[in-house]
Amino acid sequence: MTTKMNKNGVSTCKAGENYEKFQMTIGRKRRTFYHYDYRDTADNGLFSCVKPTLEACRRERDEWLKAKENKRKQIMRQ
């Protein structure tokens, strides 16, 4: 799938969030999804997912950020 968010399969997300809405046919039903990329400015890490809603993408991103922060805190304690 070619999108404005990637070039040759590589994300072009520089910093912050980027998303694109697309539709897919599953069986006879047409469904809408969001391709979501988020580039963390702290360590340049990339989070990417595809979900039915933008809110679901952002919830998963927040969980990813929280897990990264907890991991950072554990490393600092050692």
Protein backbone atom coordinates (compact mmCIF):
# COMPACT_ATOMS: atom_id res chain seq x y z
CA MET A 1 0.00 0.00 0.00
CA THR A 2 1.46 3.36 -1.00
CA THR A 3 0.65 6.25 1.29
CA LYS A 4 1.79 9.80 1.83
CA MET A 5 3.27 8.69 5.15
CA ASN A 6 5.94 6.36 3.79
CA LYS A 7 8.40 6.17 0.95
CA ASN A 8 9.47 2.73 -0.24
CA GLY A 9 7.95 1.24 2.92
CA VAL A 10 9.89 3.53 5.29
CA SER A 11 8.08 6.05 7.49
CA THR A 12 8.63 9.71 6.64
CA CYS A 13 7.40 10.90 10.06
CA LYS A 14 9.90 13.51 11.31
CA ALA A 15 8.61 14.41 14.80
CA GLY A 16 5.25 14.25 16.53
CA GLU A 17 2.23 12.49 15.07
CA ASN A 18 1.20 11.68 11.54
CA TYR A 19 -1.91 9.76 10.49
CA GLU A 20 -3.81 8.78 7.40
CA LYS A 21 -7.36 7.47 7.02
CA PHE A 22 -7.99 4.66 4.53
CA GLN A 23 -10.70 2.16 3.66
CA MET A 24 -10.39 -1.57 3.20
CA THR A 25 -12.88 -4.17 2.03
CA ILE A 26 -13.15 -7.16 4.32
CA GLY A 27 -15.52 -9.73 2.88
CA ARG A 28 -18.35 -7.58 1.54
CA LYS A 29 -17.96 -4.90 4.15
CA ARG A 30 -15.99 -1.69 3.65
CA ARG A 31 -14.18 -0.62 6.82
CA THR A 32 -12.31 2.55 7.72
CA PHE A 33 -8.92 2.41 9.46
CA TYR A 34 -6.22 4.84 10.53
CA HIS A 35 -2.53 4.31 9.88
CA TYR A 36 -0.83 6.20 12.72
CA ASP A 37 2.86 7.07 13.19
CA TYR A 38 4.39 8.89 16.14
CA ARG A 39 8.06 9.88 16.34
CA ASP A 40 9.27 10.41 19.92
CA THR A 41 11.48 13.50 20.07
CA ALA A 42 13.34 12.27 23.17
CA ASP A 43 15.02 9.26 21.53
CA ASN A 44 13.75 9.40 17.94
CA GLY A 45 11.80 6.14 18.48
CA LEU A 46 8.96 5.39 16.06
CA PHE A 47 5.56 4.06 17.09
CA SER A 48 3.27 2.85 14.32
CA CYS A 49 -0.12 1.13 14.33
CA VAL A 50 -3.34 0.61 12.37
CA LYS A 51 -6.63 0.85 14.26
CA PRO A 52 -10.31 1.53 13.44
CA THR A 53 -10.28 4.90 15.25
CA LEU A 54 -7.78 7.67 15.81
CA GLU A 55 -8.58 7.63 19.53
CA ALA A 56 -7.60 3.94 19.72
CA CYS A 57 -4.28 4.76 18.02
CA ARG A 58 -3.56 7.56 20.48
CA ARG A 59 -4.48 5.34 23.47
CA GLU A 60 -2.00 2.69 22.30
CA ARG A 61 0.65 5.39 21.72
CA ASP A 62 0.14 6.66 25.28
CA GLU A 63 0.61 3.12 26.62
CA TRP A 64 3.81 2.79 24.55
CA LEU A 65 5.14 6.09 25.92
CA LYS A 66 4.26 5.08 29.48
CA ALA A 67 6.07 1.73 29.06
CA LYS A 68 9.14 3.51 27.66
CA GLU A 69 9.16 5.94 30.60
CA ASN A 70 8.85 3.08 33.13
CA LYS A 71 11.75 1.28 31.43
CA ARG A 72 13.84 4.48 31.56
CA LYS A 73 13.08 4.87 35.29
CA GLN A 74 14.12 1.25 35.98
CA ILE A 75 17.43 1.77 34.19
CA MET A 76 18.08 4.97 36.15
CA ARG A 77 17.51 3.14 39.47
CA GLN A 78 20.17 0.54 38.71
